[in-house]
Amino acid sequence: MPTPEPIQEQAQSPEELAKIAKNAAAKEQLRAAYEAKTTARNCLGCGQEFRSEGAHHRMCSRCRSRR
């Protein structure tokens, strides 16, 4: 069995690294804002935990799509 060749990583410039870090920080801010305005609830259909947007939102998207 032949050995796989190692994956070569591309060298990234400081500008590219700064852009990646900025994007990661922005994604983290969006995630934190989403979690702040939603509540963890259990789905009434399957019992799986999901992020609910309010009292009107009691079923996960998978169970709602099956209706």
N, C-alpha and C. Protein backbone atom coordinates (compact mmCIF):
# COMPACT_ATOMS: atom_id res chain seq x y z
N MET A 1 0.84 -1.17 0.00
CA MET A 1 0.00 0.00 0.00
C MET A 1 0.90 1.24 0.00
N PRO A 2 0.72 2.14 -0.97
CA PRO A 2 1.58 3.32 -1.03
C PRO A 2 1.25 4.30 0.09
N THR A 3 2.28 4.98 0.55
CA THR A 3 2.07 5.97 1.61
C THR A 3 1.57 7.26 0.99
N PRO A 4 0.61 7.90 1.62
CA PRO A 4 0.10 9.15 1.07
C PRO A 4 1.14 10.26 1.20
N GLU A 5 1.12 11.14 0.24
CA GLU A 5 2.04 12.27 0.29
C GLU A 5 1.50 13.32 1.25
N PRO A 6 2.38 13.97 1.99
CA PRO A 6 1.91 14.98 2.94
C PRO A 6 1.28 16.17 2.21
N ILE A 7 0.29 16.74 2.84
CA ILE A 7 -0.37 17.92 2.29
C ILE A 7 0.51 19.12 2.58
N GLN A 8 0.81 19.87 1.54
CA GLN A 8 1.63 21.05 1.72
C GLN A 8 0.74 22.24 2.03
N GLU A 9 1.09 22.95 3.09
CA GLU A 9 0.34 24.14 3.45
C GLU A 9 0.91 25.33 2.71
N GLN A 10 0.02 26.19 2.26
CA GLN A 10 0.45 27.39 1.59
C GLN A 10 0.84 28.43 2.63
N ALA A 11 1.94 29.10 2.38
CA ALA A 11 2.34 30.19 3.27
C ALA A 11 1.37 31.34 3.08
N GLN A 12 0.95 31.93 4.18
CA GLN A 12 -0.01 33.02 4.10
C GLN A 12 0.66 34.31 4.55
N SER A 13 0.34 35.36 3.84
CA SER A 13 0.91 36.66 4.17
C SER A 13 0.26 37.20 5.44
N PRO A 14 0.89 38.15 6.09
CA PRO A 14 0.29 38.76 7.28
C PRO A 14 -1.08 39.40 7.00
N GLU A 15 -1.26 39.94 5.80
CA GLU A 15 -2.54 40.54 5.44
C GLU A 15 -3.64 39.47 5.38
N GLU A 16 -3.30 38.31 4.79
CA GLU A 16 -4.27 37.23 4.70
C GLU A 16 -4.62 36.70 6.09
N LEU A 17 -3.62 36.59 6.95
CA LEU A 17 -3.86 36.12 8.30
C LEU A 17 -4.74 37.11 9.08
N ALA A 18 -4.51 38.40 8.88
CA ALA A 18 -5.32 39.42 9.55
C ALA A 18 -6.77 39.34 9.07
N LYS A 19 -6.96 39.11 7.76
CA LYS A 19 -8.31 39.00 7.20
C LYS A 19 -9.02 37.78 7.78
N ILE A 20 -8.32 36.66 7.89
CA ILE A 20 -8.90 35.44 8.46
C ILE A 20 -9.29 35.67 9.91
N ALA A 21 -8.43 36.34 10.67
CA ALA A 21 -8.72 36.62 12.08
C ALA A 21 -9.92 37.55 12.21
N LYS A 22 -10.02 38.54 11.33
CA LYS A 22 -11.15 39.48 11.37
C LYS A 22 -12.45 38.75 11.06
N ASN A 23 -12.43 37.86 10.07
CA ASN A 23 -13.62 37.08 9.72
C ASN A 23 -14.03 36.16 10.87
N ALA A 24 -13.05 35.56 11.54
CA ALA A 24 -13.35 34.69 12.67
C ALA A 24 -13.99 35.48 13.81
N ALA A 25 -13.47 36.68 14.05
CA ALA A 25 -14.03 37.52 15.11
C ALA A 25 -15.46 37.94 14.77
N ALA A 26 -15.72 38.25 13.51
CA ALA A 26 -17.06 38.64 13.09
C ALA A 26 -18.03 37.47 13.23
N LYS A 27 -17.60 36.27 12.87
CA LYS A 27 -18.45 35.08 13.01
C LYS A 27 -18.77 34.82 14.47
N GLU A 28 -17.78 35.01 15.34
CA GLU A 28 -18.00 34.80 16.77
C GLU A 28 -19.00 35.82 17.32
N GLN A 29 -18.93 37.06 16.87
CA GLN A 29 -19.87 38.08 17.30
C GLN A 29 -21.29 37.73 16.85
N LEU A 30 -21.44 37.25 15.63
CA LEU A 30 -22.77 36.85 15.14
C LEU A 30 -23.32 35.68 15.94
N ARG A 31 -22.46 34.71 16.24
CA ARG A 31 -22.88 33.55 17.03
C ARG A 31 -23.32 33.98 18.43
N ALA A 32 -22.55 34.86 19.05
CA ALA A 32 -22.89 35.34 20.40
C ALA A 32 -24.21 36.11 20.39
N ALA A 33 -24.43 36.94 19.37
CA ALA A 33 -25.67 37.69 19.26
C ALA A 33 -26.86 36.75 19.06
N TYR A 34 -26.68 35.71 18.23
CA TYR A 34 -27.75 34.73 17.99
C TYR A 34 -28.10 34.01 19.28
N GLU A 35 -27.08 33.58 20.03
CA GLU A 35 -27.33 32.87 21.28
C GLU A 35 -27.97 33.78 22.33
N ALA A 36 -27.65 35.07 22.28
CA ALA A 36 -28.23 36.00 23.25
C ALA A 36 -29.72 36.21 23.01
N LYS A 37 -30.15 36.14 21.75
CA LYS A 37 -31.57 36.39 21.46
C LYS A 37 -32.38 35.10 21.31
N THR A 38 -31.76 33.95 21.50
CA THR A 38 -32.49 32.69 21.43
C THR A 38 -32.34 31.93 22.74
N THR A 39 -33.17 30.91 22.92
CA THR A 39 -33.16 30.09 24.12
C THR A 39 -33.05 28.63 23.72
N ALA A 40 -32.30 27.87 24.49
CA ALA A 40 -32.22 26.43 24.23
C ALA A 40 -33.51 25.79 24.72
N ARG A 41 -34.20 25.08 23.83
CA ARG A 41 -35.44 24.38 24.19
C ARG A 41 -35.39 22.97 23.62
N ASN A 42 -36.25 22.13 24.13
CA ASN A 42 -36.40 20.78 23.59
C ASN A 42 -37.58 20.78 22.63
N CYS A 43 -37.39 20.16 21.48
CA CYS A 43 -38.43 20.07 20.46
C CYS A 43 -39.60 19.23 20.98
N LEU A 44 -40.82 19.70 20.73
CA LEU A 44 -42.01 18.95 21.14
C LEU A 44 -42.22 17.71 20.27
N GLY A 45 -41.62 17.67 19.09
CA GLY A 45 -41.79 16.52 18.21
C GLY A 45 -40.83 15.38 18.49
N CYS A 46 -39.53 15.71 18.64
CA CYS A 46 -38.53 14.66 18.79
C CYS A 46 -37.74 14.75 20.10
N GLY A 47 -37.86 15.86 20.81
CA GLY A 47 -37.16 16.00 22.08
C GLY A 47 -35.73 16.50 21.97
N GLN A 48 -35.25 16.71 20.76
CA GLN A 48 -33.88 17.18 20.56
C GLN A 48 -33.78 18.65 20.93
N GLU A 49 -32.66 19.04 21.54
CA GLU A 49 -32.46 20.44 21.91
C GLU A 49 -32.15 21.27 20.66
N PHE A 50 -32.73 22.47 20.59
CA PHE A 50 -32.48 23.38 19.49
C PHE A 50 -32.57 24.80 20.01
N ARG A 51 -32.16 25.79 19.20
CA ARG A 51 -32.21 27.20 19.59
C ARG A 51 -33.56 27.77 19.17
N SER A 52 -34.36 28.19 20.15
CA SER A 52 -35.70 28.70 19.90
C SER A 52 -35.68 30.22 19.87
N GLU A 53 -36.44 30.80 18.96
CA GLU A 53 -36.51 32.25 18.82
C GLU A 53 -37.64 32.87 19.64
N GLY A 54 -38.42 32.06 20.34
CA GLY A 54 -39.49 32.58 21.18
C GLY A 54 -40.48 31.50 21.54
N ALA A 55 -41.51 31.88 22.30
CA ALA A 55 -42.52 30.92 22.75
C ALA A 55 -43.26 30.26 21.59
N HIS A 56 -43.35 30.95 20.46
CA HIS A 56 -44.04 30.40 19.28
C HIS A 56 -43.21 29.33 18.57
N HIS A 57 -41.95 29.20 18.90
CA HIS A 57 -41.02 28.33 18.19
C HIS A 57 -40.68 27.14 19.08
N ARG A 58 -41.48 26.07 19.01
CA ARG A 58 -41.32 24.93 19.91
C ARG A 58 -40.92 23.64 19.22
N MET A 59 -40.77 23.68 17.88
CA MET A 59 -40.35 22.48 17.15
C MET A 59 -39.09 22.80 16.35
N CYS A 60 -38.18 21.84 16.28
CA CYS A 60 -36.95 22.04 15.51
C CYS A 60 -37.28 22.09 14.02
N SER A 61 -36.36 22.57 13.23
CA SER A 61 -36.62 22.73 11.80
C SER A 61 -36.87 21.39 11.11
N ARG A 62 -36.23 20.33 11.60
CA ARG A 62 -36.45 19.01 11.00
C ARG A 62 -37.90 18.56 11.20
N CYS A 63 -38.42 18.71 12.41
CA CYS A 63 -39.82 18.30 12.68
C CYS A 63 -40.80 19.23 11.97
N ARG A 64 -40.51 20.52 11.89
CA ARG A 64 -41.41 21.43 11.20
C ARG A 64 -41.49 21.12 9.71
N SER A 65 -40.38 20.66 9.13
CA SER A 65 -40.40 20.36 7.69
C SER A 65 -41.17 19.08 7.40
N ARG A 66 -41.36 18.22 8.39
CA ARG A 66 -42.10 16.96 8.21
C ARG A 66 -43.61 17.17 8.27
N ARG A 67 -44.08 18.30 8.75
CA ARG A 67 -45.51 18.54 8.93
C ARG A 67 -46.25 18.56 7.64
